[in-house]
Each structure stands twice: as C-alpha cells, then as structure tokens.
Amino acid sequence: MFEFQQYLGFILFLTILTTGFWLMIFLVGFVQYWIGGAIIELVKEKRAKKREQAI
C-alpha cells in the first residue's frame, strides 16, 4: 500500500497540519483576549475622562 518514504511524508504532513491547527486556535484566542482587554481599557479611560469633566 504505502512505501516507507510515502509513510514518512504522510506523517510529516499530519504533524505540520495539526501543529498549524493548534497554533491557529491559540493565536485566535490570544487576539480575542488582547482586543477585549484593549476595549475594556478604552472604556475605563473614557469613563474617567467623563467623570473628570463632570467635577
């Protein structure tokens, strides 16, 4: 069915594919966390500025 070289190529392909998949999942989660934190900080700054102007 498979020769040894084809078997190694297939295993290498699966390794690269799964590594890329998990890296993509990690980066998507990290970017969402980063954007969420930036938005929260922006809202806090706007609230503080609004309170400062009100006083």
PDB file of N, CA and C in Angstrom:
ATOM      1  N   MET A   1       0.832  -1.188   0.000  1.00  0.00           N
ATOM      2  CA  MET A   1       0.000   0.000   0.000  1.00  0.00           C
ATOM      3  C   MET A   1       0.877   1.252   0.000  1.00  0.00           C
ATOM      4  N   PHE A   2       1.594   1.523   1.084  1.00  0.00           N
ATOM      5  CA  PHE A   2       2.487   2.678   1.160  1.00  0.00           C
ATOM      6  C   PHE A   2       3.919   2.196   1.182  1.00  0.00           C
ATOM      7  N   GLU A   3       4.790   2.938   0.516  1.00  0.00           N
ATOM      8  CA  GLU A   3       6.218   2.700   0.687  1.00  0.00           C
ATOM      9  C   GLU A   3       6.663   3.503   1.901  1.00  0.00           C
ATOM     10  N   PHE A   4       7.847   3.207   2.386  1.00  0.00           N
ATOM     11  CA  PHE A   4       8.328   3.846   3.608  1.00  0.00           C
ATOM     12  C   PHE A   4       8.439   5.357   3.436  1.00  0.00           C
ATOM     13  N   GLN A   5       8.908   5.844   2.287  1.00  0.00           N
ATOM     14  CA  GLN A   5       9.042   7.283   2.050  1.00  0.00           C
ATOM     15  C   GLN A   5       7.668   7.969   2.055  1.00  0.00           C
ATOM     16  N   GLN A   6       6.688   7.320   1.475  1.00  0.00           N
ATOM     17  CA  GLN A   6       5.341   7.893   1.461  1.00  0.00           C
ATOM     18  C   GLN A   6       4.770   7.935   2.873  1.00  0.00           C
ATOM     19  N   TYR A   7       5.055   6.914   3.650  1.00  0.00           N
ATOM     20  CA  TYR A   7       4.583   6.867   5.027  1.00  0.00           C
ATOM     21  C   TYR A   7       5.186   8.028   5.827  1.00  0.00           C
ATOM     22  N   LEU A   8       6.490   8.255   5.676  1.00  0.00           N
ATOM     23  CA  LEU A   8       7.133   9.363   6.386  1.00  0.00           C
ATOM     24  C   LEU A   8       6.586  10.704   5.925  1.00  0.00           C
ATOM     25  N   GLY A   9       6.334  10.853   4.638  1.00  0.00           N
ATOM     26  CA  GLY A   9       5.765  12.096   4.125  1.00  0.00           C
ATOM     27  C   GLY A   9       4.373  12.344   4.687  1.00  0.00           C
ATOM     28  N   PHE A  10       3.584  11.277   4.772  1.00  0.00           N
ATOM     29  CA  PHE A  10       2.233  11.402   5.317  1.00  0.00           C
ATOM     30  C   PHE A  10       2.270  11.791   6.790  1.00  0.00           C
ATOM     31  N   ILE A  11       3.144  11.168   7.558  1.00  0.00           N
ATOM     32  CA  ILE A  11       3.279  11.511   8.989  1.00  0.00           C
ATOM     33  C   ILE A  11       3.753  12.952   9.146  1.00  0.00           C
ATOM     34  N   LEU A  12       4.707  13.384   8.317  1.00  0.00           N
ATOM     35  CA  LEU A  12       5.188  14.768   8.367  1.00  0.00           C
ATOM     36  C   LEU A  12       4.059  15.735   8.025  1.00  0.00           C
ATOM     37  N   PHE A  13       3.269  15.405   7.014  1.00  0.00           N
ATOM     38  CA  PHE A  13       2.129  16.248   6.631  1.00  0.00           C
ATOM     39  C   PHE A  13       1.135  16.362   7.786  1.00  0.00           C
ATOM     40  N   LEU A  14       0.798  15.252   8.418  1.00  0.00           N
ATOM     41  CA  LEU A  14      -0.153  15.298   9.538  1.00  0.00           C
ATOM     42  C   LEU A  14       0.406  16.106  10.710  1.00  0.00           C
ATOM     43  N   THR A  15       1.697  15.978  10.971  1.00  0.00           N
ATOM     44  CA  THR A  15       2.323  16.729  12.058  1.00  0.00           C
ATOM     45  C   THR A  15       2.251  18.229  11.797  1.00  0.00           C
ATOM     46  N   ILE A  16       2.606  18.641  10.587  1.00  0.00           N
ATOM     47  CA  ILE A  16       2.564  20.063  10.238  1.00  0.00           C
ATOM     48  C   ILE A  16       1.126  20.576  10.276  1.00  0.00           C
ATOM     49  N   LEU A  17       0.191  19.786   9.774  1.00  0.00           N
ATOM     50  CA  LEU A  17      -1.216  20.190   9.763  1.00  0.00           C
ATOM     51  C   LEU A  17      -1.747  20.389  11.180  1.00  0.00           C
ATOM     52  N   THR A  18      -1.495  19.440  12.073  1.00  0.00           N
ATOM     53  CA  THR A  18      -2.017  19.571  13.437  1.00  0.00           C
ATOM     54  C   THR A  18      -1.309  20.688  14.204  1.00  0.00           C
ATOM     55  N   THR A  19      -0.006  20.866  13.956  1.00  0.00           N
ATOM     56  CA  THR A  19       0.706  21.966  14.612  1.00  0.00           C
ATOM     57  C   THR A  19       0.131  23.305  14.168  1.00  0.00           C
ATOM     58  N   GLY A  20      -0.111  23.443  12.874  1.00  0.00           N
ATOM     59  CA  GLY A  20      -0.698  24.680  12.369  1.00  0.00           C
ATOM     60  C   GLY A  20      -2.088  24.920  12.910  1.00  0.00           C
ATOM     61  N   PHE A  21      -2.870  23.856  13.033  1.00  0.00           N
ATOM     62  CA  PHE A  21      -4.230  23.989  13.562  1.00  0.00           C
ATOM     63  C   PHE A  21      -4.202  24.500  14.995  1.00  0.00           C
ATOM     64  N   TRP A  22      -3.390  23.892  15.846  1.00  0.00           N
ATOM     65  CA  TRP A  22      -3.361  24.307  17.245  1.00  0.00           C
ATOM     66  C   TRP A  22      -2.753  25.686  17.412  1.00  0.00           C
ATOM     67  N   LEU A  23      -1.784  26.038  16.566  1.00  0.00           N
ATOM     68  CA  LEU A  23      -1.223  27.385  16.607  1.00  0.00           C
ATOM     69  C   LEU A  23      -2.283  28.410  16.218  1.00  0.00           C
ATOM     70  N   MET A  24      -3.089  28.098  15.212  1.00  0.00           N
ATOM     71  CA  MET A  24      -4.159  28.998  14.798  1.00  0.00           C
ATOM     72  C   MET A  24      -5.169  29.174  15.932  1.00  0.00           C
ATOM     73  N   ILE A  25      -5.559  28.085  16.589  1.00  0.00           N
ATOM     74  CA  ILE A  25      -6.509  28.166  17.702  1.00  0.00           C
ATOM     75  C   ILE A  25      -5.934  29.037  18.825  1.00  0.00           C
ATOM     76  N   PHE A  26      -4.659  28.843  19.151  1.00  0.00           N
ATOM     77  CA  PHE A  26      -4.010  29.630  20.204  1.00  0.00           C
ATOM     78  C   PHE A  26      -3.987  31.110  19.836  1.00  0.00           C
ATOM     79  N   LEU A  27      -3.596  31.423  18.613  1.00  0.00           N
ATOM     80  CA  LEU A  27      -3.489  32.819  18.203  1.00  0.00           C
ATOM     81  C   LEU A  27      -4.855  33.501  18.140  1.00  0.00           C
ATOM     82  N   VAL A  28      -5.873  32.802  17.690  1.00  0.00           N
ATOM     83  CA  VAL A  28      -7.215  33.388  17.649  1.00  0.00           C
ATOM     84  C   VAL A  28      -7.680  33.711  19.071  1.00  0.00           C
ATOM     85  N   GLY A  29      -7.451  32.800  20.003  1.00  0.00           N
ATOM     86  CA  GLY A  29      -7.817  33.061  21.393  1.00  0.00           C
ATOM     87  C   GLY A  29      -7.037  34.216  21.986  1.00  0.00           C
ATOM     88  N   PHE A  30      -5.757  34.285  21.682  1.00  0.00           N
ATOM     89  CA  PHE A  30      -4.910  35.347  22.211  1.00  0.00           C
ATOM     90  C   PHE A  30      -5.316  36.699  21.654  1.00  0.00           C
ATOM     91  N   VAL A  31      -5.610  36.760  20.363  1.00  0.00           N
ATOM     92  CA  VAL A  31      -6.001  38.024  19.740  1.00  0.00           C
ATOM     93  C   VAL A  31      -7.335  38.503  20.308  1.00  0.00           C
ATOM     94  N   GLN A  32      -8.282  37.599  20.519  1.00  0.00           N
ATOM     95  CA  GLN A  32      -9.564  37.997  21.112  1.00  0.00           C
ATOM     96  C   GLN A  32      -9.358  38.539  22.528  1.00  0.00           C
ATOM     97  N   TYR A  33      -8.500  37.899  23.294  1.00  0.00           N
ATOM     98  CA  TYR A  33      -8.205  38.352  24.653  1.00  0.00           C
ATOM     99  C   TYR A  33      -7.571  39.743  24.611  1.00  0.00           C
ATOM    100  N   TRP A  34      -6.658  39.961  23.679  1.00  0.00           N
ATOM    101  CA  TRP A  34      -5.949  41.225  23.542  1.00  0.00           C
ATOM    102  C   TRP A  34      -6.920  42.339  23.153  1.00  0.00           C
ATOM    103  N   ILE A  35      -7.769  42.090  22.170  1.00  0.00           N
ATOM    104  CA  ILE A  35      -8.721  43.098  21.722  1.00  0.00           C
ATOM    105  C   ILE A  35      -9.733  43.404  22.831  1.00  0.00           C
ATOM    106  N   GLY A  36     -10.205  42.373  23.535  1.00  0.00           N
ATOM    107  CA  GLY A  36     -11.139  42.581  24.631  1.00  0.00           C
ATOM    108  C   GLY A  36     -10.541  43.440  25.729  1.00  0.00           C
ATOM    109  N   GLY A  37      -9.296  43.184  26.086  1.00  0.00           N
ATOM    110  CA  GLY A  37      -8.627  43.985  27.103  1.00  0.00           C
ATOM    111  C   GLY A  37      -8.438  45.423  26.671  1.00  0.00           C
ATOM    112  N   ALA A  38      -8.101  45.616  25.400  1.00  0.00           N
ATOM    113  CA  ALA A  38      -7.923  46.975  24.887  1.00  0.00           C
ATOM    114  C   ALA A  38      -9.237  47.747  24.920  1.00  0.00           C
ATOM    115  N   ILE A  39     -10.328  47.080  24.584  1.00  0.00           N
ATOM    116  CA  ILE A  39     -11.637  47.746  24.601  1.00  0.00           C
ATOM    117  C   ILE A  39     -12.030  48.110  26.029  1.00  0.00           C
ATOM    118  N   ILE A  40     -11.792  47.211  26.967  1.00  0.00           N
ATOM    119  CA  ILE A  40     -12.123  47.490  28.371  1.00  0.00           C
ATOM    120  C   ILE A  40     -11.315  48.679  28.882  1.00  0.00           C
ATOM    121  N   GLU A  41     -10.030  48.727  28.552  1.00  0.00           N
ATOM    122  CA  GLU A  41      -9.200  49.856  28.981  1.00  0.00           C
ATOM    123  C   GLU A  41      -9.667  51.160  28.347  1.00  0.00           C
ATOM    124  N   LEU A  42     -10.076  51.122  27.097  1.00  0.00           N
ATOM    125  CA  LEU A  42     -10.579  52.318  26.415  1.00  0.00           C
ATOM    126  C   LEU A  42     -11.842  52.833  27.094  1.00  0.00           C
ATOM    127  N   VAL A  43     -12.743  51.912  27.449  1.00  0.00           N
ATOM    128  CA  VAL A  43     -13.980  52.309  28.135  1.00  0.00           C
ATOM    129  C   VAL A  43     -13.661  52.919  29.503  1.00  0.00           C
ATOM    130  N   LYS A  44     -12.712  52.326  30.228  1.00  0.00           N
ATOM    131  CA  LYS A  44     -12.333  52.871  31.540  1.00  0.00           C
ATOM    132  C   LYS A  44     -11.753  54.277  31.410  1.00  0.00           C
ATOM    133  N   GLU A  45     -10.921  54.496  30.387  1.00  0.00           N
ATOM    134  CA  GLU A  45     -10.344  55.824  30.177  1.00  0.00           C
ATOM    135  C   GLU A  45     -11.424  56.848  29.841  1.00  0.00           C
ATOM    136  N   LYS A  46     -12.379  56.455  28.997  1.00  0.00           N
ATOM    137  CA  LYS A  46     -13.456  57.379  28.642  1.00  0.00           C
ATOM    138  C   LYS A  46     -14.318  57.709  29.855  1.00  0.00           C
ATOM    139  N   ARG A  47     -14.604  56.718  30.710  1.00  0.00           N
ATOM    140  CA  ARG A  47     -15.389  56.961  31.923  1.00  0.00           C
ATOM    141  C   ARG A  47     -14.651  57.904  32.871  1.00  0.00           C
ATOM    142  N   ALA A  48     -13.335  57.688  33.019  1.00  0.00           N
ATOM    143  CA  ALA A  48     -12.548  58.543  33.902  1.00  0.00           C
ATOM    144  C   ALA A  48     -12.511  59.977  33.372  1.00  0.00           C
ATOM    145  N   LYS A  49     -12.382  60.127  32.061  1.00  0.00           N
ATOM    146  CA  LYS A  49     -12.363  61.462  31.470  1.00  0.00           C
ATOM    147  C   LYS A  49     -13.715  62.149  31.649  1.00  0.00           C
ATOM    148  N   LYS A  50     -14.794  61.387  31.489  1.00  0.00           N
ATOM    149  CA  LYS A  50     -16.139  61.933  31.652  1.00  0.00           C
ATOM    150  C   LYS A  50     -16.367  62.376  33.101  1.00  0.00           C
ATOM    151  N   ARG A  51     -15.922  61.568  34.066  1.00  0.00           N
ATOM    152  CA  ARG A  51     -16.058  61.917  35.475  1.00  0.00           C
ATOM    153  C   ARG A  51     -15.228  63.157  35.810  1.00  0.00           C
ATOM    154  N   GLU A  52     -14.050  63.258  35.206  1.00  0.00           N
ATOM    155  CA  GLU A  52     -13.173  64.392  35.465  1.00  0.00           C
ATOM    156  C   GLU A  52     -13.790  65.689  34.945  1.00  0.00           C
ATOM    157  N   GLN A  53     -14.440  65.625  33.795  1.00  0.00           N
ATOM    158  CA  GLN A  53     -15.072  66.810  33.235  1.00  0.00           C
ATOM    159  C   GLN A  53     -16.331  67.181  34.028  1.00  0.00           C
ATOM    160  N   ALA A  54     -17.006  66.212  34.612  1.00  0.00           N
ATOM    161  CA  ALA A  54     -18.233  66.466  35.357  1.00  0.00           C
ATOM    162  C   ALA A  54     -17.939  67.172  36.688  1.00  0.00           C
ATOM    163  N   ILE A  55     -16.764  66.952  37.227  1.00  0.00           N
ATOM    164  CA  ILE A  55     -16.429  67.528  38.536  1.00  0.00           C
ATOM    165  C   ILE A  55     -15.980  68.948  38.437  1.00  0.00           C
TER     166      ILE A  55
END
